[in-house]
Amino acid sequence: MFGDEQLKLKQDLRKLCLGILEDRMENARFAVDEIEDLIQGIGGTSEESDDDYINSKRLELEMLSKRLMDARDELKRLQRMRIEEEFREVGPGAVVMTDEGNFFVAVGLGVIHAQGGAFMGISALAPIYLAMAGKKSGEKFSFREKHYQIRDIF
């Protein structure tokens, strides 16, 4: 049964995930600004070594810009996610408690600590999610030769 404690845990997990994503976005924005300033500062010279350096920084800038866009997309997806509802099977927004670890199906952020427990933040595109998707409490799934039994879903 979905109770206040479970809802509070899901809210805490989402809040922690939002904070991690916001930090990633802030760090990426800062790095983008630094590289743009650097490129503008070097832009007046025409030495070949400077051109190679500028080109490498432009590639780095493109990579950081993509990371920033990806983090922004994940943030929006997480903000829209309906965590208030009770889940009877594994799906996006669910907390999945297993005998081998706990999962928060939201965004792939690795281990997140909340309320004294560890939860693996996974996206709905992660291979382990695909192994557990649609399963119900009490059912089993396997991933990378490891067997899991779902204890609870909410």
C-alpha atoms as a PDB file:
ATOM      1  CA  MET A   1       0.000   0.000   0.000  1.00  0.00           C
ATOM      2  CA  PHE A   2       1.297   3.426  -1.001  1.00  0.00           C
ATOM      3  CA  GLY A   3       1.721   5.576   2.104  1.00  0.00           C
ATOM      4  CA  ASP A   4       3.082   8.906   3.237  1.00  0.00           C
ATOM      5  CA  GLU A   5       6.546   7.473   3.969  1.00  0.00           C
ATOM      6  CA  GLN A   6       6.871   6.074   0.454  1.00  0.00           C
ATOM      7  CA  LEU A   7       5.680   9.332  -1.108  1.00  0.00           C
ATOM      8  CA  LYS A   8       8.169  11.285   1.022  1.00  0.00           C
ATOM      9  CA  LEU A   9      10.984   8.979  -0.107  1.00  0.00           C
ATOM     10  CA  LYS A  10      10.076   9.485  -3.775  1.00  0.00           C
ATOM     11  CA  GLN A  11       9.905  13.256  -3.265  1.00  0.00           C
ATOM     12  CA  ASP A  12      13.314  13.201  -1.547  1.00  0.00           C
ATOM     13  CA  LEU A  13      14.813  11.128  -4.364  1.00  0.00           C
ATOM     14  CA  ARG A  14      13.433  13.471  -7.013  1.00  0.00           C
ATOM     15  CA  LYS A  15      14.701  16.507  -5.121  1.00  0.00           C
ATOM     16  CA  LEU A  16      18.179  14.990  -4.867  1.00  0.00           C
ATOM     17  CA  CYS A  17      18.156  14.103  -8.584  1.00  0.00           C
ATOM     18  CA  LEU A  18      17.042  17.627  -9.497  1.00  0.00           C
ATOM     19  CA  GLY A  19      19.892  19.045  -7.414  1.00  0.00           C
ATOM     20  CA  ILE A  20      22.460  16.808  -9.121  1.00  0.00           C
ATOM     21  CA  LEU A  21      21.161  17.766 -12.575  1.00  0.00           C
ATOM     22  CA  GLU A  22      21.118  21.474 -11.702  1.00  0.00           C
ATOM     23  CA  ASP A  23      24.728  21.214 -10.477  1.00  0.00           C
ATOM     24  CA  ARG A  24      25.733  19.480 -13.719  1.00  0.00           C
ATOM     25  CA  MET A  25      24.051  22.217 -15.737  1.00  0.00           C
ATOM     26  CA  GLU A  26      25.731  24.969 -13.734  1.00  0.00           C
ATOM     27  CA  ASN A  27      29.159  23.336 -14.140  1.00  0.00           C
ATOM     28  CA  ALA A  28      28.604  22.876 -17.886  1.00  0.00           C
ATOM     29  CA  ARG A  29      27.464  26.508 -18.299  1.00  0.00           C
ATOM     30  CA  PHE A  30      30.540  27.713 -16.416  1.00  0.00           C
ATOM     31  CA  ALA A  31      32.862  25.591 -18.593  1.00  0.00           C
ATOM     32  CA  VAL A  32      31.110  26.796 -21.777  1.00  0.00           C
ATOM     33  CA  ASP A  33      31.576  30.431 -20.729  1.00  0.00           C
ATOM     34  CA  GLU A  34      35.267  29.841 -19.951  1.00  0.00           C
ATOM     35  CA  ILE A  35      35.942  28.217 -23.318  1.00  0.00           C
ATOM     36  CA  GLU A  36      34.026  30.913 -25.211  1.00  0.00           C
ATOM     37  CA  ASP A  37      36.078  33.616 -23.440  1.00  0.00           C
ATOM     38  CA  LEU A  38      39.283  31.738 -24.208  1.00  0.00           C
ATOM     39  CA  ILE A  39      38.419  31.381 -27.899  1.00  0.00           C
ATOM     40  CA  GLN A  40      37.553  35.064 -28.173  1.00  0.00           C
ATOM     41  CA  GLY A  41      40.818  36.015 -26.454  1.00  0.00           C
ATOM     42  CA  ILE A  42      42.911  33.977 -28.889  1.00  0.00           C
ATOM     43  CA  GLY A  43      40.828  34.843 -31.947  1.00  0.00           C
ATOM     44  CA  GLY A  44      43.050  37.769 -33.028  1.00  0.00           C
ATOM     45  CA  THR A  45      46.124  35.658 -33.711  1.00  0.00           C
ATOM     46  CA  SER A  46      46.601  33.534 -36.805  1.00  0.00           C
ATOM     47  CA  GLU A  47      49.400  31.153 -35.870  1.00  0.00           C
ATOM     48  CA  GLU A  48      48.776  27.555 -36.902  1.00  0.00           C
ATOM     49  CA  SER A  49      49.307  26.250 -33.346  1.00  0.00           C
ATOM     50  CA  ASP A  50      46.637  28.675 -32.110  1.00  0.00           C
ATOM     51  CA  ASP A  51      44.269  27.457 -34.838  1.00  0.00           C
ATOM     52  CA  ASP A  52      44.739  23.843 -33.733  1.00  0.00           C
ATOM     53  CA  TYR A  53      44.172  24.849 -30.128  1.00  0.00           C
ATOM     54  CA  ILE A  54      41.060  26.855 -30.988  1.00  0.00           C
ATOM     55  CA  ASN A  55      39.670  23.954 -33.021  1.00  0.00           C
ATOM     56  CA  SER A  56      40.191  21.563 -30.081  1.00  0.00           C
ATOM     57  CA  LYS A  57      38.437  24.050 -27.790  1.00  0.00           C
ATOM     58  CA  ARG A  58      35.557  24.373 -30.255  1.00  0.00           C
ATOM     59  CA  LEU A  59      35.124  20.587 -30.209  1.00  0.00           C
ATOM     60  CA  GLU A  60      35.182  20.674 -26.420  1.00  0.00           C
ATOM     61  CA  LEU A  61      32.600  23.463 -26.521  1.00  0.00           C
ATOM     62  CA  GLU A  62      30.296  21.366 -28.736  1.00  0.00           C
ATOM     63  CA  MET A  63      30.609  18.409 -26.363  1.00  0.00           C
ATOM     64  CA  LEU A  64      29.830  20.557 -23.315  1.00  0.00           C
ATOM     65  CA  SER A  65      26.891  22.181 -25.090  1.00  0.00           C
ATOM     66  CA  LYS A  66      25.455  18.733 -25.824  1.00  0.00           C
ATOM     67  CA  ARG A  67      25.897  17.711 -22.179  1.00  0.00           C
ATOM     68  CA  LEU A  68      24.117  20.876 -21.124  1.00  0.00           C
ATOM     69  CA  MET A  69      21.197  20.177 -23.471  1.00  0.00           C
ATOM     70  CA  ASP A  70      21.001  16.546 -22.280  1.00  0.00           C
ATOM     71  CA  ALA A  71      20.964  17.623 -18.628  1.00  0.00           C
ATOM     72  CA  ARG A  72      18.263  20.202 -19.421  1.00  0.00           C
ATOM     73  CA  ASP A  73      16.151  17.503 -21.114  1.00  0.00           C
ATOM     74  CA  GLU A  74      16.583  15.129 -18.160  1.00  0.00           C
ATOM     75  CA  LEU A  75      15.657  17.919 -15.756  1.00  0.00           C
ATOM     76  CA  LYS A  76      12.439  18.651 -17.657  1.00  0.00           C
ATOM     77  CA  ARG A  77      11.587  14.941 -17.836  1.00  0.00           C
ATOM     78  CA  LEU A  78      12.151  14.556 -14.095  1.00  0.00           C
ATOM     79  CA  GLN A  79      10.056  17.633 -13.286  1.00  0.00           C
ATOM     80  CA  ARG A  80       7.141  16.242 -15.333  1.00  0.00           C
ATOM     81  CA  MET A  81       7.405  12.743 -13.889  1.00  0.00           C
ATOM     82  CA  ARG A  82       4.350  11.720 -11.883  1.00  0.00           C
ATOM     83  CA  ILE A  83       5.827  10.268  -8.724  1.00  0.00           C
ATOM     84  CA  GLU A  84       2.714  10.799  -6.619  1.00  0.00           C
ATOM     85  CA  GLU A  85       0.919   7.819  -8.060  1.00  0.00           C
ATOM     86  CA  GLU A  86       1.151   4.280  -6.753  1.00  0.00           C
ATOM     87  CA  PHE A  87       2.904   1.795  -9.022  1.00  0.00           C
ATOM     88  CA  ARG A  88       1.857  -1.843  -9.202  1.00  0.00           C
ATOM     89  CA  GLU A  89       4.513  -2.651 -11.804  1.00  0.00           C
ATOM     90  CA  VAL A  90       7.927  -1.264 -12.676  1.00  0.00           C
ATOM     91  CA  GLY A  91       7.737   1.905 -14.758  1.00  0.00           C
ATOM     92  CA  PRO A  92       9.204   5.438 -14.953  1.00  0.00           C
ATOM     93  CA  GLY A  93       8.744   7.214 -11.628  1.00  0.00           C
ATOM     94  CA  ALA A  94       8.716   4.013  -9.565  1.00  0.00           C
ATOM     95  CA  VAL A  95      10.899   3.043  -6.659  1.00  0.00           C
ATOM     96  CA  VAL A  96      11.791  -0.635  -6.970  1.00  0.00           C
ATOM     97  CA  MET A  97      13.012  -2.479  -3.883  1.00  0.00           C
ATOM     98  CA  THR A  98      14.755  -5.792  -4.592  1.00  0.00           C
ATOM     99  CA  ASP A  99      16.714  -8.342  -2.611  1.00  0.00           C
ATOM    100  CA  GLU A 100      19.888  -7.126  -4.360  1.00  0.00           C
ATOM    101  CA  GLY A 101      19.419  -3.353  -4.233  1.00  0.00           C
ATOM    102  CA  ASN A 102      16.977  -0.511  -4.684  1.00  0.00           C
ATOM    103  CA  PHE A 103      16.243   1.513  -7.811  1.00  0.00           C
ATOM    104  CA  PHE A 104      14.632   4.829  -8.660  1.00  0.00           C
ATOM    105  CA  VAL A 105      13.433   4.765 -12.265  1.00  0.00           C
ATOM    106  CA  ALA A 106      13.905   8.370 -13.299  1.00  0.00           C
ATOM    107  CA  VAL A 107      17.303   9.446 -14.651  1.00  0.00           C
ATOM    108  CA  GLY A 108      20.622   7.654 -14.821  1.00  0.00           C
ATOM    109  CA  LEU A 109      22.622   9.291 -12.054  1.00  0.00           C
ATOM    110  CA  GLY A 110      24.188   6.356 -10.274  1.00  0.00           C
ATOM    111  CA  VAL A 111      23.852   5.818  -6.540  1.00  0.00           C
ATOM    112  CA  ILE A 112      21.708   8.298  -4.622  1.00  0.00           C
ATOM    113  CA  HIS A 113      21.481   8.221  -0.835  1.00  0.00           C
ATOM    114  CA  ALA A 114      18.134   9.093   0.760  1.00  0.00           C
ATOM    115  CA  GLN A 115      16.580   8.383   4.127  1.00  0.00           C
ATOM    116  CA  GLY A 116      19.433   6.119   5.163  1.00  0.00           C
ATOM    117  CA  GLY A 117      19.254   3.950   2.050  1.00  0.00           C
ATOM    118  CA  ALA A 118      21.071   3.706  -1.270  1.00  0.00           C
ATOM    119  CA  PHE A 119      19.119   3.845  -4.527  1.00  0.00           C
ATOM    120  CA  MET A 120      20.443   3.422  -8.029  1.00  0.00           C
ATOM    121  CA  GLY A 121      19.057   6.176 -10.243  1.00  0.00           C
ATOM    122  CA  ILE A 122      18.341   4.585 -13.621  1.00  0.00           C
ATOM    123  CA  SER A 123      16.662   5.825 -16.777  1.00  0.00           C
ATOM    124  CA  ALA A 124      13.948   4.044 -18.710  1.00  0.00           C
ATOM    125  CA  LEU A 125      16.571   3.441 -21.415  1.00  0.00           C
ATOM    126  CA  ALA A 126      18.994   1.576 -19.141  1.00  0.00           C
ATOM    127  CA  PRO A 127      19.466  -2.127 -19.896  1.00  0.00           C
ATOM    128  CA  ILE A 128      18.665  -3.091 -16.296  1.00  0.00           C
ATOM    129  CA  TYR A 129      15.388  -1.184 -16.543  1.00  0.00           C
ATOM    130  CA  LEU A 130      14.487  -3.122 -19.672  1.00  0.00           C
ATOM    131  CA  ALA A 131      15.046  -6.341 -17.699  1.00  0.00           C
ATOM    132  CA  MET A 132      12.646  -5.252 -14.932  1.00  0.00           C
ATOM    133  CA  ALA A 133      10.082  -3.199 -16.883  1.00  0.00           C
ATOM    134  CA  GLY A 134       6.506  -4.305 -16.311  1.00  0.00           C
ATOM    135  CA  LYS A 135       7.411  -6.691 -13.477  1.00  0.00           C
ATOM    136  CA  LYS A 136       5.325  -6.766 -10.303  1.00  0.00           C
ATOM    137  CA  SER A 137       6.153  -7.199  -6.649  1.00  0.00           C
ATOM    138  CA  GLY A 138       7.268 -10.772  -5.975  1.00  0.00           C
ATOM    139  CA  GLU A 139       8.452 -11.363  -9.559  1.00  0.00           C
ATOM    140  CA  LYS A 140      12.043 -12.030 -10.528  1.00  0.00           C
ATOM    141  CA  PHE A 141      14.322 -10.713 -13.251  1.00  0.00           C
ATOM    142  CA  SER A 142      17.928 -11.256 -14.247  1.00  0.00           C
ATOM    143  CA  PHE A 143      20.559  -8.842 -15.443  1.00  0.00           C
ATOM    144  CA  ARG A 144      24.177  -9.665 -16.248  1.00  0.00           C
ATOM    145  CA  GLU A 145      23.885 -13.106 -14.695  1.00  0.00           C
ATOM    146  CA  LYS A 146      22.610 -11.639 -11.423  1.00  0.00           C
ATOM    147  CA  HIS A 147      19.145 -12.575 -10.200  1.00  0.00           C
ATOM    148  CA  TYR A 148      16.816 -10.114  -8.494  1.00  0.00           C
ATOM    149  CA  GLN A 149      13.511 -10.591  -6.711  1.00  0.00           C
ATOM    150  CA  ILE A 150      11.286  -7.553  -6.443  1.00  0.00           C
ATOM    151  CA  ARG A 151      10.162  -7.000  -2.863  1.00  0.00           C
ATOM    152  CA  ASP A 152       8.159  -3.812  -3.324  1.00  0.00           C
ATOM    153  CA  ILE A 153       7.239  -1.246  -5.952  1.00  0.00           C
ATOM    154  CA  PHE A 154       5.804   2.170  -5.247  1.00  0.00           C
END
